[in-house]
C-alpha atoms as a PDB file:
ATOM      1  CA  MET A   1       0.020   0.277   0.017  1.00  0.00           C
ATOM      2  CA  PRO A   2       0.860   3.375  -0.847  1.00  0.00           C
ATOM      3  CA  PRO A   3       2.516   4.988   2.516  1.00  0.00           C
ATOM      4  CA  ASP A   4       0.029   8.175   2.049  1.00  0.00           C
ATOM      5  CA  HIS A   5      -2.438   6.578   0.164  1.00  0.00           C
ATOM      6  CA  ASN A   6      -5.105   4.406   1.223  1.00  0.00           C
ATOM      7  CA  PRO A   7      -6.269   2.280  -1.942  1.00  0.00           C
ATOM      8  CA  GLY A   8      -9.926   2.933  -2.581  1.00  0.00           C
ATOM      9  CA  GLN A   9      -9.801   6.503  -1.953  1.00  0.00           C
ATOM     10  CA  PRO A  10      -8.863   9.853  -4.331  1.00  0.00           C
ATOM     11  CA  HIS A  11      -5.937  11.225  -3.676  1.00  0.00           C
ATOM     12  CA  HIS A  12      -5.937  14.731  -3.815  1.00  0.00           C
ATOM     13  CA  PRO A  13      -4.680  18.044  -2.056  1.00  0.00           C
ATOM     14  CA  SER A  14      -5.298  17.965   1.908  1.00  0.00           C
ATOM     15  CA  ASP A  15      -8.842  19.900   1.746  1.00  0.00           C
ATOM     16  CA  GLY A  16     -10.832  17.287   0.278  1.00  0.00           C
ATOM     17  CA  HIS A  17     -11.899  18.629  -2.929  1.00  0.00           C
ATOM     18  CA  THR A  18      -9.884  18.649  -6.294  1.00  0.00           C
ATOM     19  CA  HIS A  19      -9.423  21.953  -8.070  1.00  0.00           C
ATOM     20  CA  GLY A  20     -10.134  24.411 -10.903  1.00  0.00           C
ATOM     21  CA  HIS A  21     -12.520  23.388 -13.001  1.00  0.00           C
ATOM     22  CA  HIS A  22     -12.485  19.568 -11.397  1.00  0.00           C
ATOM     23  CA  ASP A  23     -14.915  21.803  -8.457  1.00  0.00           C
ATOM     24  CA  GLY A  24     -17.911  22.644 -10.891  1.00  0.00           C
ATOM     25  CA  LEU A  25     -18.746  23.967 -14.312  1.00  0.00           C
ATOM     26  CA  PRO A  26     -17.607  27.224 -13.844  1.00  0.00           C
ATOM     27  CA  ASP A  27     -16.482  27.712 -17.529  1.00  0.00           C
ATOM     28  CA  ASP A  28     -18.936  26.946 -20.435  1.00  0.00           C
ATOM     29  CA  THR A  29     -15.872  26.082 -22.814  1.00  0.00           C
ATOM     30  CA  LEU A  30     -15.374  22.753 -20.104  1.00  0.00           C
ATOM     31  CA  TRP A  31     -19.385  21.819 -21.438  1.00  0.00           C
ATOM     32  CA  ALA A  32     -19.770  19.318 -24.264  1.00  0.00           C
ATOM     33  CA  PHE A  33     -22.992  20.476 -26.320  1.00  0.00           C
ATOM     34  CA  GLY A  34     -25.980  21.950 -24.281  1.00  0.00           C
ATOM     35  CA  ALA A  35     -25.518  24.072 -21.365  1.00  0.00           C
ATOM     36  CA  PRO A  36     -26.814  22.420 -17.705  1.00  0.00           C
ATOM     37  CA  GLY A  37     -29.980  22.262 -17.118  1.00  0.00           C
ATOM     38  CA  THR A  38     -30.650  21.265 -20.427  1.00  0.00           C
ATOM     39  CA  ARG A  39     -29.322  17.957 -20.211  1.00  0.00           C
ATOM     40  CA  ALA A  40     -27.963  15.379 -18.240  1.00  0.00           C
ATOM     41  CA  LEU A  41     -24.125  15.232 -17.254  1.00  0.00           C
ATOM     42  CA  ARG A  42     -22.080  12.910 -19.064  1.00  0.00           C
ATOM     43  CA  ILE A  43     -19.537  10.959 -18.030  1.00  0.00           C
ATOM     44  CA  GLY A  44     -16.778   9.281 -20.403  1.00  0.00           C
ATOM     45  CA  ILE A  45     -15.203   5.651 -19.144  1.00  0.00           C
ATOM     46  CA  GLY A  46     -12.136   4.935 -21.261  1.00  0.00           C
ATOM     47  CA  GLY A  47      -9.094   2.552 -21.191  1.00  0.00           C
ATOM     48  CA  PRO A  48      -7.176  -0.421 -22.229  1.00  0.00           C
ATOM     49  CA  VAL A  49      -9.064  -3.860 -22.768  1.00  0.00           C
ATOM     50  CA  GLY A  50      -9.561  -5.430 -20.209  1.00  0.00           C
ATOM     51  CA  SER A  51      -9.097  -2.678 -17.203  1.00  0.00           C
ATOM     52  CA  GLY A  52     -12.133  -3.691 -16.000  1.00  0.00           C
ATOM     53  CA  LYS A  53     -13.975  -0.517 -17.771  1.00  0.00           C
ATOM     54  CA  THR A  54     -17.097  -2.424 -17.772  1.00  0.00           C
ATOM     55  CA  ALA A  55     -16.635  -3.832 -14.407  1.00  0.00           C
ATOM     56  CA  LEU A  56     -16.570   0.215 -13.542  1.00  0.00           C
ATOM     57  CA  VAL A  57     -19.675   0.974 -15.020  1.00  0.00           C
ATOM     58  CA  ALA A  58     -21.974  -2.227 -13.940  1.00  0.00           C
ATOM     59  CA  SER A  59     -20.705  -1.208 -10.460  1.00  0.00           C
ATOM     60  CA  LEU A  60     -21.445   2.542 -10.311  1.00  0.00           C
ATOM     61  CA  CYS A  61     -25.320   1.997 -11.644  1.00  0.00           C
ATOM     62  CA  ARG A  62     -25.504  -0.453  -8.824  1.00  0.00           C
ATOM     63  CA  LEU A  63     -24.236   2.279  -6.609  1.00  0.00           C
ATOM     64  CA  LEU A  64     -26.492   5.052  -8.042  1.00  0.00           C
ATOM     65  CA  ALA A  65     -29.301   3.877 -10.315  1.00  0.00           C
ATOM     66  CA  ASP A  66     -31.172   4.142  -6.858  1.00  0.00           C
ATOM     67  CA  SER A  67     -31.208   7.947  -7.167  1.00  0.00           C
ATOM     68  CA  VAL A  68     -30.415   9.162  -9.829  1.00  0.00           C
ATOM     69  CA  SER A  69     -31.871   8.854 -13.717  1.00  0.00           C
ATOM     70  CA  ILE A  70     -28.685   6.866 -15.718  1.00  0.00           C
ATOM     71  CA  VAL A  71     -28.233   6.096 -18.925  1.00  0.00           C
ATOM     72  CA  VAL A  72     -25.594   4.033 -21.282  1.00  0.00           C
ATOM     73  CA  VAL A  73     -23.742   3.809 -23.981  1.00  0.00           C
ATOM     74  CA  THR A  74     -20.763   1.092 -24.759  1.00  0.00           C
ATOM     75  CA  ASN A  75     -18.646   1.233 -27.804  1.00  0.00           C
ATOM     76  CA  ASP A  76     -17.074  -2.033 -29.371  1.00  0.00           C
ATOM     77  CA  ILE A  77     -15.515  -2.075 -32.913  1.00  0.00           C
ATOM     78  CA  PHE A  78     -17.610  -5.096 -34.193  1.00  0.00           C
ATOM     79  CA  THR A  79     -19.718  -6.322 -31.523  1.00  0.00           C
ATOM     80  CA  THR A  80     -22.252  -5.115 -29.133  1.00  0.00           C
ATOM     81  CA  GLU A  81     -20.792  -7.629 -26.386  1.00  0.00           C
ATOM     82  CA  ASP A  82     -20.299  -4.910 -23.221  1.00  0.00           C
ATOM     83  CA  ALA A  83     -23.873  -3.774 -23.538  1.00  0.00           C
ATOM     84  CA  GLU A  84     -24.719  -7.218 -23.926  1.00  0.00           C
ATOM     85  CA  ALA A  85     -23.214  -7.935 -20.274  1.00  0.00           C
ATOM     86  CA  LEU A  86     -24.446  -4.647 -18.824  1.00  0.00           C
ATOM     87  CA  ARG A  87     -28.101  -6.455 -19.303  1.00  0.00           C
ATOM     88  CA  ARG A  88     -27.451  -9.765 -18.605  1.00  0.00           C
ATOM     89  CA  MET A  89     -26.318  -8.247 -14.876  1.00  0.00           C
ATOM     90  CA  ALA A  90     -29.467  -6.476 -15.144  1.00  0.00           C
ATOM     91  CA  VAL A  91     -28.050  -3.334 -13.534  1.00  0.00           C
ATOM     92  CA  LEU A  92     -30.109  -0.707 -15.373  1.00  0.00           C
ATOM     93  CA  ALA A  93     -33.278  -1.496 -17.498  1.00  0.00           C
ATOM     94  CA  ASP A  94     -32.597  -2.566 -20.915  1.00  0.00           C
ATOM     95  CA  GLU A  95     -33.619   0.499 -22.401  1.00  0.00           C
ATOM     96  CA  ARG A  96     -31.417   2.195 -20.527  1.00  0.00           C
ATOM     97  CA  ILE A  97     -27.951   0.564 -22.652  1.00  0.00           C
ATOM     98  CA  VAL A  98     -27.526   1.873 -26.056  1.00  0.00           C
ATOM     99  CA  ALA A  99     -24.683  -0.336 -27.720  1.00  0.00           C
ATOM    100  CA  VAL A 100     -22.513   1.733 -30.621  1.00  0.00           C
ATOM    101  CA  GLU A 101     -20.277  -0.159 -32.813  1.00  0.00           C
ATOM    102  CA  THR A 102     -17.719   2.262 -34.082  1.00  0.00           C
ATOM    103  CA  GLY A 103     -15.759  -0.147 -36.671  1.00  0.00           C
ATOM    104  CA  ALA A 104     -12.877   1.623 -36.262  1.00  0.00           C
ATOM    105  CA  CYS A 105     -10.775   2.201 -33.666  1.00  0.00           C
ATOM    106  CA  PRO A 106     -12.405   3.154 -30.292  1.00  0.00           C
ATOM    107  CA  HIS A 107     -10.634   6.175 -29.855  1.00  0.00           C
ATOM    108  CA  THR A 108     -11.912   7.356 -33.656  1.00  0.00           C
ATOM    109  CA  ALA A 109     -15.621   7.257 -32.137  1.00  0.00           C
ATOM    110  CA  ILE A 110     -15.125   8.848 -28.364  1.00  0.00           C
ATOM    111  CA  ARG A 111     -12.630  11.963 -30.420  1.00  0.00           C
ATOM    112  CA  ASP A 112     -12.243  12.387 -33.941  1.00  0.00           C
ATOM    113  CA  ASP A 113     -15.835  11.759 -35.474  1.00  0.00           C
ATOM    114  CA  ILE A 114     -18.425  11.456 -32.435  1.00  0.00           C
ATOM    115  CA  SER A 115     -21.224  11.491 -34.688  1.00  0.00           C
ATOM    116  CA  ALA A 116     -22.470   7.929 -33.747  1.00  0.00           C
ATOM    117  CA  ASN A 117     -21.870   8.406 -30.168  1.00  0.00           C
ATOM    118  CA  LEU A 118     -23.239  12.111 -30.072  1.00  0.00           C
ATOM    119  CA  ASP A 119     -26.558  10.585 -31.558  1.00  0.00           C
ATOM    120  CA  ALA A 120     -26.586   7.301 -29.402  1.00  0.00           C
ATOM    121  CA  VAL A 121     -26.657   9.824 -26.790  1.00  0.00           C
ATOM    122  CA  GLU A 122     -29.218  12.372 -27.362  1.00  0.00           C
ATOM    123  CA  GLN A 123     -31.752   9.628 -28.271  1.00  0.00           C
ATOM    124  CA  LEU A 124     -30.923   7.269 -25.289  1.00  0.00           C
ATOM    125  CA  GLU A 125     -31.588  10.656 -23.802  1.00  0.00           C
ATOM    126  CA  ALA A 126     -34.702  11.653 -24.848  1.00  0.00           C
ATOM    127  CA  ALA A 127     -36.286   8.061 -24.828  1.00  0.00           C
ATOM    128  CA  ASN A 128     -35.753   7.452 -21.139  1.00  0.00           C
ATOM    129  CA  ALA A 129     -36.237  11.316 -20.412  1.00  0.00           C
ATOM    130  CA  PRO A 130     -35.687  12.860 -17.819  1.00  0.00           C
ATOM    131  CA  VAL A 131     -31.783  11.559 -17.512  1.00  0.00           C
ATOM    132  CA  GLU A 132     -29.795  12.889 -14.746  1.00  0.00           C
ATOM    133  CA  LEU A 133     -26.614  11.088 -15.603  1.00  0.00           C
ATOM    134  CA  THR A 134     -24.775   9.521 -19.215  1.00  0.00           C
ATOM    135  CA  PHE A 135     -22.384   6.818 -19.018  1.00  0.00           C
ATOM    136  CA  VAL A 136     -20.299   6.045 -22.339  1.00  0.00           C
ATOM    137  CA  GLU A 137     -17.939   3.655 -22.403  1.00  0.00           C
ATOM    138  CA  SER A 138     -15.117   3.683 -25.126  1.00  0.00           C
ATOM    139  CA  GLY A 139     -14.037   0.123 -26.346  1.00  0.00           C
ATOM    140  CA  GLY A 140     -10.644  -0.815 -25.139  1.00  0.00           C
ATOM    141  CA  ASP A 141      -7.979   0.965 -26.785  1.00  0.00           C
ATOM    142  CA  ASN A 142      -4.306   2.446 -25.395  1.00  0.00           C
ATOM    143  CA  LEU A 143      -3.294   4.845 -23.256  1.00  0.00           C
ATOM    144  CA  THR A 144      -3.839   8.134 -26.095  1.00  0.00           C
ATOM    145  CA  ALA A 145      -7.428   7.488 -25.947  1.00  0.00           C
ATOM    146  CA  ILE A 146      -9.425  10.324 -24.730  1.00  0.00           C
ATOM    147  CA  PHE A 147     -12.844  11.406 -25.408  1.00  0.00           C
ATOM    148  CA  SER A 148     -14.259  14.812 -26.847  1.00  0.00           C
ATOM    149  CA  ARG A 149     -14.788  17.444 -25.435  1.00  0.00           C
ATOM    150  CA  ALA A 150     -17.897  17.690 -27.506  1.00  0.00           C
ATOM    151  CA  LEU A 151     -18.841  14.727 -26.331  1.00  0.00           C
ATOM    152  CA  VAL A 152     -18.926  13.915 -22.529  1.00  0.00           C
ATOM    153  CA  ASP A 153     -17.934  16.524 -20.253  1.00  0.00           C
ATOM    154  CA  ARG A 154     -16.050  14.597 -17.918  1.00  0.00           C
ATOM    155  CA  GLN A 155     -13.315  11.581 -18.114  1.00  0.00           C
ATOM    156  CA  ILE A 156     -12.673   8.519 -16.249  1.00  0.00           C
ATOM    157  CA  PHE A 157      -9.148   6.743 -17.915  1.00  0.00           C
ATOM    158  CA  VAL A 158      -8.970   3.411 -15.927  1.00  0.00           C
ATOM    159  CA  ILE A 159      -6.020   1.712 -15.614  1.00  0.00           C
ATOM    160  CA  ASP A 160      -4.844  -2.191 -14.121  1.00  0.00           C
ATOM    161  CA  VAL A 161      -2.512  -2.975 -11.740  1.00  0.00           C
ATOM    162  CA  ALA A 162      -2.481  -6.546 -14.210  1.00  0.00           C
ATOM    163  CA  GLY A 163      -0.502  -4.616 -16.718  1.00  0.00           C
ATOM    164  CA  GLY A 164       2.654  -3.726 -14.076  1.00  0.00           C
ATOM    165  CA  ASP A 165       3.120  -1.423 -12.045  1.00  0.00           C
ATOM    166  CA  LYS A 166       5.272   0.555 -14.603  1.00  0.00           C
ATOM    167  CA  VAL A 167       1.857   2.066 -16.761  1.00  0.00           C
ATOM    168  CA  PRO A 168       1.280   5.393 -14.870  1.00  0.00           C
ATOM    169  CA  ARG A 169       4.980   6.457 -15.636  1.00  0.00           C
ATOM    170  CA  LYS A 170       4.134   5.409 -19.509  1.00  0.00           C
ATOM    171  CA  GLY A 171       2.185   8.756 -19.609  1.00  0.00           C
ATOM    172  CA  GLY A 172      -0.562   9.682 -22.404  1.00  0.00           C
ATOM    173  CA  PRO A 173      -3.298  11.715 -22.795  1.00  0.00           C
ATOM    174  CA  GLY A 174      -5.541   9.413 -20.480  1.00  0.00           C
ATOM    175  CA  VAL A 175      -3.263   9.192 -17.619  1.00  0.00           C
ATOM    176  CA  THR A 176      -2.104  12.426 -17.677  1.00  0.00           C
ATOM    177  CA  THR A 177      -5.343  14.495 -18.226  1.00  0.00           C
ATOM    178  CA  ALA A 178      -8.633  12.557 -17.500  1.00  0.00           C
ATOM    179  CA  ASP A 179     -10.761  14.124 -14.855  1.00  0.00           C
ATOM    180  CA  LEU A 180     -10.342  10.538 -12.903  1.00  0.00           C
ATOM    181  CA  LEU A 181      -7.408   8.248 -12.917  1.00  0.00           C
ATOM    182  CA  VAL A 182      -8.753   4.464 -11.943  1.00  0.00           C
ATOM    183  CA  ILE A 183      -6.061   1.884 -10.904  1.00  0.00           C
ATOM    184  CA  ASN A 184      -8.507  -0.974 -10.999  1.00  0.00           C
ATOM    185  CA  LYS A 185      -7.591  -4.283  -9.752  1.00  0.00           C
ATOM    186  CA  THR A 186      -5.446  -3.537  -6.497  1.00  0.00           C
ATOM    187  CA  ASP A 187      -6.157  -7.321  -5.428  1.00  0.00           C
ATOM    188  CA  LEU A 188      -3.984  -8.566  -8.271  1.00  0.00           C
ATOM    189  CA  ALA A 189      -0.959  -6.386  -6.799  1.00  0.00           C
ATOM    190  CA  ALA A 190       0.629  -9.084  -4.711  1.00  0.00           C
ATOM    191  CA  LEU A 191       0.037 -12.067  -7.730  1.00  0.00           C
ATOM    192  CA  VAL A 192       1.699  -9.856 -10.378  1.00  0.00           C
ATOM    193  CA  HIS A 193       4.746  -8.383  -8.269  1.00  0.00           C
ATOM    194  CA  ALA A 194       3.168  -4.730  -9.050  1.00  0.00           C
ATOM    195  CA  ASP A 195       4.017  -2.463  -6.384  1.00  0.00           C
ATOM    196  CA  LEU A 196       1.266  -0.054  -5.431  1.00  0.00           C
ATOM    197  CA  ALA A 197       3.142   2.572  -3.851  1.00  0.00           C
ATOM    198  CA  VAL A 198       5.196   3.186  -6.754  1.00  0.00           C
ATOM    199  CA  MET A 199       2.210   3.249  -8.908  1.00  0.00           C
ATOM    200  CA  ASP A 200       0.973   6.203  -6.840  1.00  0.00           C
ATOM    201  CA  ARG A 201       3.830   8.180  -6.662  1.00  0.00           C
ATOM    202  CA  ASP A 202       3.891   7.527 -10.744  1.00  0.00           C
ATOM    203  CA  ALA A 203       0.266   8.676 -11.245  1.00  0.00           C
ATOM    204  CA  LYS A 204       0.659  12.025  -8.406  1.00  0.00           C
ATOM    205  CA  ALA A 205       3.845  12.797 -10.942  1.00  0.00           C
ATOM    206  CA  ARG A 206       2.085  12.842 -13.988  1.00  0.00           C
ATOM    207  CA  ARG A 207      -1.351  13.775 -12.879  1.00  0.00           C
ATOM    208  CA  GLY A 208      -0.680  16.932 -10.028  1.00  0.00           C
ATOM    209  CA  GLU A 209      -3.269  17.739  -8.029  1.00  0.00           C
ATOM    210  CA  LEU A 210      -5.624  15.796 -10.540  1.00  0.00           C
ATOM    211  CA  PRO A 211      -7.281  13.172  -8.547  1.00  0.00           C
ATOM    212  CA  ILE A 212      -6.169   9.197  -7.958  1.00  0.00           C
ATOM    213  CA  ALA A 213      -8.781   6.294  -6.780  1.00  0.00           C
ATOM    214  CA  PHE A 214      -7.228   3.045  -6.650  1.00  0.00           C
ATOM    215  CA  THR A 215     -10.356   0.028  -6.280  1.00  0.00           C
ATOM    216  CA  SER A 216     -10.755  -3.668  -6.451  1.00  0.00           C
ATOM    217  CA  LEU A 217     -14.447  -4.449  -8.277  1.00  0.00           C
ATOM    218  CA  VAL A 218     -14.497  -7.696  -6.896  1.00  0.00           C
ATOM    219  CA  GLU A 219     -15.770  -6.530  -3.426  1.00  0.00           C
ATOM    220  CA  PRO A 220     -19.018  -5.163  -3.230  1.00  0.00           C
ATOM    221  CA  ALA A 221     -18.437  -1.521  -2.814  1.00  0.00           C
ATOM    222  CA  GLY A 222     -14.894  -1.332  -4.477  1.00  0.00           C
ATOM    223  CA  ALA A 223     -16.485   1.550  -6.866  1.00  0.00           C
ATOM    224  CA  GLN A 224     -17.821   3.665  -4.262  1.00  0.00           C
ATOM    225  CA  VAL A 225     -14.809   6.439  -4.577  1.00  0.00           C
ATOM    226  CA  VAL A 226     -15.154   6.629  -8.046  1.00  0.00           C
ATOM    227  CA  ALA A 227     -19.031   6.259  -7.065  1.00  0.00           C
ATOM    228  CA  ASP A 228     -18.377   9.619  -4.621  1.00  0.00           C
ATOM    229  CA  TRP A 229     -16.418  11.279  -7.285  1.00  0.00           C
ATOM    230  CA  VAL A 230     -18.983  10.563  -9.496  1.00  0.00           C
ATOM    231  CA  GLY A 231     -22.067  12.890  -7.265  1.00  0.00           C
ATOM    232  CA  ALA A 232     -19.567  15.129  -6.556  1.00  0.00           C
ATOM    233  CA  GLN A 233     -19.621  16.277 -10.555  1.00  0.00           C
ATOM    234  CA  LEU A 234     -22.969  15.610 -10.568  1.00  0.00           C
ATOM    235  CA  ALA A 235     -24.095  18.574  -7.716  1.00  0.00           C
ATOM    236  CA  GLY A 236     -21.589  20.524 -10.018  1.00  0.00           C
ATOM    237  CA  TRP A 237     -23.867  20.311 -12.853  1.00  0.00           C
ATOM    238  CA  ARG A 238     -26.743  20.562 -10.713  1.00  0.00           C
ATOM    239  CA  SER A 239     -25.862  24.136  -9.175  1.00  0.00           C
ATOM    240  CA  ALA A 240     -24.667  25.292 -12.673  1.00  0.00           C
ATOM    241  CA  SER A 241     -27.953  24.122 -13.545  1.00  0.00           C
ATOM    242  CA  HIS A 242     -29.400  26.489 -10.935  1.00  0.00           C
ATOM    243  CA  ALA A 243     -27.193  29.417 -11.862  1.00  0.00           C
ATOM    244  CA  HIS A 244     -28.459  29.267 -15.536  1.00  0.00           C
ATOM    245  CA  ARG A 245     -32.308  29.480 -14.323  1.00  0.00           C
END
């Protein structure tokens, strides 16, 4: 365990809050299309294949769906695998989950040409109105995969311990710029000889004050720290919604 960091808790400065635009939504340029009060908050979840993106989405839905109206758009290249998995787990009603088959590299559909995802998001939100929170899960990609800010308002990037403790120091836009970095599968650290303290140190060096969460999604409440972060973003979005009325 990192000496000054408890896996499962976000790292941020001692005031317990993130800083700048992460404390709320004070700057219109940081929103996707549509101001607060006109649509749901949209959060993108990206990361490499097998890092635990779908498991995180499922866990977040279980933790939040009783109090928040949620829909999910998943991305796969040639299948609807992730959407089908979420439906099998019954984390939301089937009609609240839609798959986008990108037919190309996942980052293309979340960053370069977002039209298919934006159409899916808007149609899903309209069909299930009122929606408060939309998750957009990227297909598995590499450390350069980030979402267009025209598609989502906040981004979570998921890496996993099984990839080795070198991953955070490799950097890449996902690791360095995502609004929240999730380092998943801490339960496997001993098995793969990954040093969580090294991952914590290197992630802090790459990200500065941007928050980090260590998770083990095999635990019933393993995503609670991420759910709390999402809740804070949603509170900021709602506050901005009131300010725009």
